[in-house]
Amino acid sequence: MCIYEQKQIGPGCSSLAYGAMQELGPFRVYSDGKTLYKNLFAWNHAANVLFLESPAGVGFSYSNTTLDYSNSGDKITAKDNYAFLLNWLERFPEYKNRDFYISGESYAGHYVPELAHTILYHNKNTNNTHINLKGIIIGNAVINDETDDKGVYDYLESHALISHKTLMQIHRYCNFSPNATSDPKCNTAQSASDQEVSDIDVYSIYSPVCTNSTLTRRPKKIKYEIDPCSDDYTYAYLNRPEVQEALHANVTKLDHDWEPCSDIITRWLDNPTTIIPLLKEFMANGLRVWIFSGDTDSVVPVTSTKYSLKHMKLHVKTPWHPWLINTQVGGFTEVYEGNLTFATVRGAGHEVPSYQPRRALALISHFLNGTPLPYKSPK
């Protein structure tokens, strides 16, 4: 079984920096920025995992054609990712017939469905299963712009992070529908919201923020599931020449230090306002579709995803209920007709495996096995 893992907080951020080094990969970076420790809840306990840097220009990836950086977009990224997968499977043919799944978070709410659509298209168009795609799973994912945007502010107010007055102004002056004309009063209300949450980590509202990014002489004991300064440790580690050499990174194509998020992409050609039609396509074709939300993320919060699912007008198969891990509530879940499962991960931020690694591993394991999240009925 092979799972293709695409992590983006972008578009423009590195799957290696976040997905591999800070979330679900086999190792994480110590506070000295030069040594590693094992991630006991890495997803390679459940599957073979690939991490892909995309689009071209992100992380250590590059293009020999500078024009590519000003011609990026959802469809081009899907085309490039599909070409990579075909070439990878030719290089490692022992994986060709294995079940294949695609996962990602945040803007990968676009990348993953676009790639899945491309795979389905080519499989059907040639009447040949080039990639044995079985399902997708996306977390805290950008799905439908209108409901995504509205859900952010409702989440912030309901968690006592912005004032009721600010929310009422946003409801009154902001129109989140596609192609709506911008209202200056809406912009003012949104700026007020940004100011009110400026001192917290909006990607995980109850987590501490990094207050000292200085590397330590010796690795320090990890106090949290993820250290709030992990970005700095990863940055230092992936800029070490011996690490880049070991990764076979072509750093001659970089004119600056490696960065976790790239600003080399200057123009994004296509950005659909919704990927809901693609989700419905997958359901109609019998693919397994799971959507999950870390419930302490306010960037693409659980309210946004719930609003998007409501917009799909799906029939409920298994009503809302808690799912358990080690007798504790790991989150809540609801299953819809058409093989779509929605699950929350309790206490997790935007990058779910960073904050709740044990629960994230349980989630992905049940997804891959095609089994419902565990639930014991109340007595």
Protein backbone atom coordinates (compact mmCIF):
# COMPACT_ATOMS: atom_id res chain seq x y z
CA MET A 1 0.00 0.00 0.00
CA CYS A 2 1.40 3.35 -1.00
CA ILE A 3 0.22 6.76 0.16
CA TYR A 4 1.32 9.91 -1.62
CA GLU A 5 1.57 12.74 0.86
CA GLN A 6 1.41 16.33 -0.31
CA LYS A 7 1.72 18.99 2.37
CA GLN A 8 1.14 22.60 1.60
CA ILE A 9 0.37 25.68 3.65
CA GLY A 10 0.46 27.76 0.55
CA PRO A 11 0.43 27.60 -2.31
CA GLY A 12 4.19 27.87 -2.02
CA CYS A 13 5.27 25.97 1.11
CA SER A 14 7.45 22.93 1.42
CA SER A 15 6.17 19.39 1.93
CA LEU A 16 9.59 18.48 3.26
CA ALA A 17 9.74 21.34 5.77
CA TYR A 18 6.29 20.78 7.21
CA GLY A 19 4.89 17.36 6.33
CA ALA A 20 8.12 15.40 6.61
CA MET A 21 10.11 17.27 9.25
CA GLN A 22 7.42 18.66 11.56
CA GLU A 23 4.34 16.51 11.14
CA LEU A 24 4.16 12.91 10.01
CA GLY A 25 7.65 11.99 8.84
CA PRO A 26 9.89 9.50 10.68
CA PHE A 27 12.08 12.20 12.26
CA ARG A 28 11.84 15.66 13.77
CA VAL A 29 14.58 18.23 14.37
CA TYR A 30 15.97 18.95 17.80
CA SER A 31 16.43 22.50 19.10
CA ASP A 32 20.13 22.49 18.17
CA GLY A 33 19.14 22.49 14.48
CA LYS A 34 21.53 19.66 13.63
CA THR A 35 20.29 16.45 15.22
CA LEU A 36 17.10 14.42 14.85
CA TYR A 37 14.82 12.38 17.07
CA LYS A 38 12.31 9.73 16.10
CA ASN A 39 8.65 10.50 15.62
CA LEU A 40 6.93 7.57 17.33
CA PHE A 41 3.70 8.27 15.45
CA ALA A 42 5.07 8.65 11.92
CA TRP A 43 2.68 7.66 9.17
CA ASN A 44 5.18 5.24 7.66
CA HIS A 45 4.00 2.90 10.42
CA ALA A 46 0.80 2.64 8.37
CA ALA A 47 1.98 3.02 4.75
CA ASN A 48 4.81 3.83 2.39
CA VAL A 49 4.88 7.63 2.23
CA LEU A 50 6.12 9.98 -0.50
CA PHE A 51 6.56 13.71 0.04
CA LEU A 52 6.47 15.92 -3.02
CA GLU A 53 7.72 19.51 -3.24
CA SER A 54 5.41 21.35 -5.60
CA PRO A 55 4.79 23.48 -7.56
CA ALA A 56 8.23 23.93 -9.13
CA GLY A 57 10.24 26.44 -7.11
CA VAL A 58 8.98 25.31 -3.70
CA GLY A 59 11.55 23.99 -1.24
CA PHE A 60 14.37 22.21 -3.07
CA SER A 61 12.35 21.82 -6.28
CA TYR A 62 13.19 23.92 -9.30
CA SER A 63 12.64 24.39 -13.01
CA ASN A 64 15.22 24.99 -15.71
CA THR A 65 12.71 27.37 -17.31
CA THR A 66 12.31 30.62 -15.38
CA LEU A 67 9.00 31.30 -17.13
CA ASP A 68 7.50 28.35 -15.22
CA TYR A 69 7.56 30.39 -12.03
CA SER A 70 5.18 32.95 -13.53
CA ASN A 71 2.87 30.33 -15.03
CA SER A 72 1.91 28.24 -12.03
CA GLY A 73 -1.60 27.22 -11.13
CA ASP A 74 -3.79 24.37 -9.95
CA LYS A 75 -4.00 22.56 -13.29
CA ILE A 76 -0.32 22.97 -14.15
CA THR A 77 0.63 21.70 -10.70
CA ALA A 78 -1.63 18.66 -11.14
CA LYS A 79 -0.09 17.97 -14.57
CA ASP A 80 3.46 18.18 -13.17
CA ASN A 81 2.60 16.04 -10.15
CA TYR A 82 1.03 13.40 -12.37
CA ALA A 83 4.13 13.31 -14.57
CA PHE A 84 6.28 12.90 -11.47
CA LEU A 85 4.18 9.99 -10.22
CA LEU A 86 4.33 8.15 -13.55
CA ASN A 87 8.10 8.56 -13.68
CA TRP A 88 8.47 7.50 -10.05
CA LEU A 89 6.42 4.36 -10.66
CA GLU A 90 8.58 3.55 -13.70
CA ARG A 91 11.64 3.89 -11.49
CA PHE A 92 10.07 1.72 -8.76
CA PRO A 93 7.75 -0.65 -10.68
CA GLU A 94 7.17 -2.86 -7.62
CA TYR A 95 4.69 -0.22 -6.42
CA LYS A 96 2.69 0.04 -9.65
CA ASN A 97 -0.17 -2.25 -8.68
CA ARG A 98 -0.47 -1.22 -5.06
CA ASP A 99 -3.43 0.70 -3.68
CA PHE A 100 -2.68 4.39 -3.87
CA TYR A 101 -3.98 7.24 -1.73
CA ILE A 102 -3.38 10.98 -1.79
CA SER A 103 -3.28 13.15 1.31
CA GLY A 104 -2.64 16.80 2.06
CA GLU A 105 -3.63 19.82 4.10
CA SER A 106 -4.59 23.47 3.66
CA TYR A 107 -4.21 24.53 -0.01
CA ALA A 108 -3.73 20.85 -0.82
CA GLY A 109 -7.52 20.93 -0.55
CA HIS A 110 -7.05 21.99 -4.18
CA TYR A 111 -3.86 20.09 -5.05
CA VAL A 112 -5.07 16.67 -3.91
CA PRO A 113 -8.47 16.71 -5.72
CA GLU A 114 -6.92 18.20 -8.88
CA LEU A 115 -4.32 15.42 -8.95
CA ALA A 116 -6.93 12.75 -8.20
CA HIS A 117 -9.08 14.10 -11.05
CA THR A 118 -6.08 13.94 -13.40
CA ILE A 119 -5.37 10.34 -12.41
CA LEU A 120 -9.00 9.32 -12.96
CA TYR A 121 -9.09 11.08 -16.32
CA HIS A 122 -6.03 9.31 -17.68
CA ASN A 123 -7.09 5.93 -16.28
CA LYS A 124 -10.47 6.23 -18.02
CA ASN A 125 -9.23 7.91 -21.19
CA THR A 126 -6.71 5.12 -21.88
CA ASN A 127 -8.78 2.32 -20.33
CA ASN A 128 -5.71 1.47 -18.29
CA THR A 129 -5.02 1.81 -14.56
CA HIS A 130 -1.77 3.76 -14.61
CA ILE A 131 -2.14 4.63 -10.92
CA ASN A 132 -4.32 2.47 -8.69
CA LEU A 133 -6.02 5.36 -6.92
CA LYS A 134 -8.35 4.28 -4.10
CA GLY A 135 -9.07 7.46 -2.17
CA ILE A 136 -8.10 10.89 -0.89
CA ILE A 137 -7.91 12.46 2.55
CA ILE A 138 -7.54 16.22 3.12
CA GLY A 139 -7.15 18.13 6.37
CA ASN A 140 -8.07 21.72 7.32
CA ALA A 141 -8.50 22.05 3.59
CA VAL A 142 -9.45 24.93 1.34
CA ILE A 143 -12.61 23.57 -0.28
CA ASN A 144 -15.12 26.30 -1.11
CA ASP A 145 -14.08 29.95 -0.88
CA GLU A 146 -17.41 31.43 0.16
CA THR A 147 -18.05 29.07 3.08
CA ASP A 148 -14.35 28.86 3.97
CA ASP A 149 -14.10 32.64 4.42
CA LYS A 150 -17.35 33.02 6.34
CA GLY A 151 -16.42 30.15 8.65
CA VAL A 152 -13.19 31.82 9.75
CA TYR A 153 -14.89 34.78 11.39
CA ASP A 154 -17.67 32.73 12.94
CA TYR A 155 -15.00 30.47 14.44
CA LEU A 156 -12.98 33.39 15.82
CA GLU A 157 -15.98 34.98 17.54
CA SER A 158 -17.32 31.68 18.90
CA HIS A 159 -13.91 31.03 20.49
CA ALA A 160 -13.79 34.49 22.12
CA LEU A 161 -10.95 35.69 19.90
CA ILE A 162 -12.69 38.62 18.19
CA SER A 163 -15.44 40.85 19.48
CA HIS A 164 -19.11 40.32 18.73
CA LYS A 165 -19.13 43.85 17.30
CA THR A 166 -16.43 42.96 14.78
CA LEU A 167 -18.29 39.83 13.71
CA MET A 168 -21.55 41.75 13.24
CA GLN A 169 -19.75 44.29 11.05
CA ILE A 170 -18.28 41.47 8.96
CA HIS A 171 -21.71 39.86 8.60
CA ARG A 172 -23.18 43.21 7.60
CA TYR A 173 -20.58 44.51 5.17
CA CYS A 174 -18.78 41.44 3.77
CA ASN A 175 -20.05 39.46 0.81
CA PHE A 176 -18.00 36.31 0.43
CA SER A 177 -19.68 35.06 -2.73
CA PRO A 178 -17.42 34.65 -5.80
CA ASN A 179 -16.70 37.85 -7.74
CA ALA A 180 -18.36 40.04 -5.10
CA THR A 181 -17.28 43.68 -5.09
CA SER A 182 -15.02 44.62 -2.20
CA ASP A 183 -16.60 46.95 0.37
CA PRO A 184 -14.22 49.33 2.21
CA LYS A 185 -16.26 48.81 5.40
CA CYS A 186 -15.72 45.06 5.06
CA ASN A 187 -11.98 45.64 4.70
CA THR A 188 -12.02 47.75 7.87
CA ALA A 189 -13.87 45.07 9.82
CA GLN A 190 -11.49 42.36 8.59
CA SER A 191 -8.51 44.50 9.59
CA ALA A 192 -10.02 44.85 13.06
CA SER A 193 -10.31 41.07 13.25
CA ASP A 194 -6.68 40.64 12.20
CA GLN A 195 -5.58 43.10 14.88
CA GLU A 196 -7.57 41.36 17.60
CA VAL A 197 -5.85 37.99 16.96
CA SER A 198 -2.40 39.39 16.16
CA ASP A 199 -0.74 38.12 19.35
CA ILE A 200 -1.74 34.45 19.09
CA ASP A 201 -0.83 31.56 16.83
CA VAL A 202 -3.83 31.50 14.51
CA TYR A 203 -2.80 28.06 13.23
CA SER A 204 -3.28 26.61 16.72
CA ILE A 205 -5.13 29.07 18.94
CA TYR A 206 -4.29 27.46 22.30
CA SER A 207 -0.60 26.75 21.59
CA PRO A 208 2.30 28.91 22.76
CA VAL A 209 4.08 31.13 20.26
CA CYS A 210 7.82 31.05 19.66
CA THR A 211 9.49 33.69 21.82
CA ASN A 212 13.14 32.67 21.41
CA SER A 213 14.27 31.25 18.09
CA THR A 214 17.93 30.93 19.09
CA LEU A 215 19.30 27.44 18.54
CA THR A 216 20.51 25.62 21.65
CA ARG A 217 24.01 24.17 22.07
CA ARG A 218 22.50 20.85 23.08
CA PRO A 219 19.14 19.32 22.21
CA LYS A 220 16.55 20.31 24.77
CA LYS A 221 13.79 18.12 26.08
CA ILE A 222 10.59 18.46 24.08
CA LYS A 223 7.84 19.94 26.26
CA TYR A 224 5.08 19.90 23.67
CA GLU A 225 4.03 17.53 20.90
CA ILE A 226 5.67 20.13 18.69
CA ASP A 227 8.01 22.86 19.88
CA PRO A 228 6.61 26.30 18.89
CA CYS A 229 10.03 27.21 17.45
CA SER A 230 10.25 24.11 15.24
CA ASP A 231 10.25 26.22 12.08
CA ASP A 232 13.60 27.70 13.12
CA TYR A 233 15.13 24.30 13.92
CA THR A 234 14.00 22.91 10.55
CA TYR A 235 15.32 25.97 8.71
CA ALA A 236 18.75 25.53 10.29
CA TYR A 237 18.82 21.80 9.66
CA LEU A 238 17.83 21.91 5.99
CA ASN A 239 20.38 24.66 5.32
CA ARG A 240 23.26 22.51 6.59
CA PRO A 241 25.52 21.64 3.61
CA GLU A 242 25.94 18.02 4.70
CA VAL A 243 22.16 17.59 4.96
CA GLN A 244 21.60 19.06 1.50
CA GLU A 245 24.30 16.77 0.12
CA ALA A 246 22.71 13.73 1.78
CA LEU A 247 19.33 14.69 0.28
CA HIS A 248 20.93 15.10 -3.17
CA ALA A 249 19.41 18.58 -3.27
CA ASN A 250 20.44 20.63 -6.29
CA VAL A 251 21.22 23.78 -4.34
CA THR A 252 23.08 25.28 -7.30
CA LYS A 253 19.64 26.25 -8.59
CA LEU A 254 19.04 28.35 -5.46
CA ASP A 255 20.41 31.88 -5.22
CA HIS A 256 19.59 32.13 -1.51
CA ASP A 257 19.16 29.96 1.58
CA TRP A 258 16.60 27.19 1.44
CA GLU A 259 13.27 28.56 2.67
CA PRO A 260 10.21 26.66 3.98
CA CYS A 261 7.90 28.85 1.89
CA SER A 262 8.90 30.26 -1.49
CA ASP A 263 8.15 33.66 -3.01
CA ILE A 264 9.64 32.67 -6.37
CA ILE A 265 6.17 31.91 -7.76
CA THR A 266 5.06 35.27 -9.14
CA ARG A 267 1.74 34.45 -10.81
CA TRP A 268 -1.01 31.91 -10.17
CA LEU A 269 -3.03 31.30 -13.32
CA ASP A 270 -6.01 29.33 -12.05
CA ASN A 271 -7.58 29.07 -8.64
CA PRO A 272 -11.13 27.66 -8.71
CA THR A 273 -13.46 29.11 -6.10
CA THR A 274 -14.63 25.61 -5.19
CA ILE A 275 -13.50 21.99 -5.54
CA ILE A 276 -16.85 20.56 -4.44
CA PRO A 277 -17.63 19.26 -7.97
CA LEU A 278 -14.43 17.20 -7.83
CA LEU A 279 -15.38 15.72 -4.47
CA LYS A 280 -18.73 14.70 -5.92
CA GLU A 281 -16.94 13.18 -8.92
CA PHE A 282 -14.82 11.02 -6.63
CA MET A 283 -17.84 9.88 -4.67
CA ALA A 284 -19.61 8.95 -7.90
CA ASN A 285 -16.58 6.91 -8.94
CA GLY A 286 -16.44 4.97 -5.68
CA LEU A 287 -13.31 6.59 -4.25
CA ARG A 288 -12.92 6.82 -0.50
CA VAL A 289 -13.10 10.51 0.52
CA TRP A 290 -12.20 11.64 4.03
CA ILE A 291 -12.05 15.25 5.24
CA PHE A 292 -10.65 16.09 8.66
CA SER A 293 -10.24 19.19 10.79
CA GLY A 294 -7.93 20.00 13.64
CA ASP A 295 -10.36 21.87 15.86
CA THR A 296 -7.95 24.54 17.19
CA ASP A 297 -7.06 25.91 13.75
CA SER A 298 -8.58 29.29 12.88
CA VAL A 299 -7.02 29.62 9.42
CA VAL A 300 -9.16 26.95 7.77
CA PRO A 301 -11.29 26.10 10.80
CA VAL A 302 -13.73 23.32 11.47
CA THR A 303 -16.64 25.73 11.00
CA SER A 304 -15.52 26.45 7.43
CA THR A 305 -15.36 22.76 6.58
CA LYS A 306 -18.75 22.08 8.18
CA TYR A 307 -20.28 24.94 6.17
CA SER A 308 -18.72 23.54 2.97
CA LEU A 309 -20.08 20.06 3.66
CA LYS A 310 -23.52 21.51 4.37
CA HIS A 311 -23.29 23.26 1.00
CA MET A 312 -22.87 19.83 -0.64
CA LYS A 313 -26.32 18.77 0.65
CA LEU A 314 -25.26 15.22 1.45
CA HIS A 315 -27.43 12.63 3.14
CA VAL A 316 -26.14 11.52 6.54
CA LYS A 317 -25.38 7.82 6.84
CA THR A 318 -23.91 7.77 10.37
CA PRO A 319 -24.85 10.77 12.56
CA TRP A 320 -22.37 12.94 14.45
CA HIS A 321 -20.67 11.12 17.31
CA PRO A 322 -17.33 11.01 19.15
CA TRP A 323 -14.54 8.68 18.06
CA LEU A 324 -12.23 7.19 20.66
CA ILE A 325 -8.57 6.34 21.08
CA ASN A 326 -7.28 4.74 24.28
CA THR A 327 -10.72 5.32 25.87
CA GLN A 328 -10.41 9.09 25.29
CA VAL A 329 -12.32 11.18 22.74
CA GLY A 330 -10.03 11.72 19.76
CA GLY A 331 -12.56 13.92 18.01
CA PHE A 332 -15.97 13.73 16.39
CA THR A 333 -17.12 12.25 13.11
CA GLU A 334 -20.03 12.00 10.71
CA VAL A 335 -20.34 9.72 7.67
CA TYR A 336 -22.33 10.61 4.55
CA GLU A 337 -23.87 8.57 1.79
CA GLY A 338 -21.40 8.22 -1.06
CA ASN A 339 -18.40 7.11 1.00
CA LEU A 340 -17.47 10.52 2.44
CA THR A 341 -16.32 10.73 6.07
CA PHE A 342 -15.80 13.93 8.03
CA ALA A 343 -13.76 13.82 11.24
CA THR A 344 -12.41 16.34 13.71
CA VAL A 345 -9.20 15.83 15.66
CA ARG A 346 -9.59 17.21 19.17
CA GLY A 347 -6.86 19.60 20.28
CA ALA A 348 -5.09 19.74 16.92
CA GLY A 349 -4.11 22.83 14.98
CA HIS A 350 -3.71 23.43 11.25
CA GLU A 351 -0.96 20.81 10.91
CA VAL A 352 -2.86 18.03 12.69
CA PRO A 353 -0.03 15.47 13.09
CA SER A 354 2.19 18.10 14.73
CA TYR A 355 -0.19 18.74 17.60
CA GLN A 356 -1.92 15.37 17.98
CA PRO A 357 0.41 12.77 16.44
CA ARG A 358 -1.18 9.73 18.10
CA ARG A 359 -4.67 10.74 17.03
CA ALA A 360 -3.47 11.61 13.52
CA LEU A 361 -1.87 8.16 13.12
CA ALA A 362 -5.09 6.50 14.29
CA LEU A 363 -7.05 8.61 11.79
CA ILE A 364 -4.86 7.74 8.81
CA SER A 365 -4.75 4.07 9.79
CA HIS A 366 -8.54 3.78 9.79
CA PHE A 367 -8.74 5.70 6.52
CA LEU A 368 -6.27 3.37 4.81
CA ASN A 369 -7.96 0.27 6.21
CA GLY A 370 -11.40 1.50 5.19
CA THR A 371 -12.69 1.03 8.74
CA PRO A 372 -14.88 3.45 10.73
CA LEU A 373 -13.26 5.48 13.46
CA PRO A 374 -13.71 3.52 16.73
CA TYR A 375 -16.79 4.36 18.75
CA LYS A 376 -18.29 2.74 21.84
CA SER A 377 -21.94 3.45 22.32
CA PRO A 378 -22.83 5.04 25.67
CA LYS A 379 -24.38 2.74 28.26
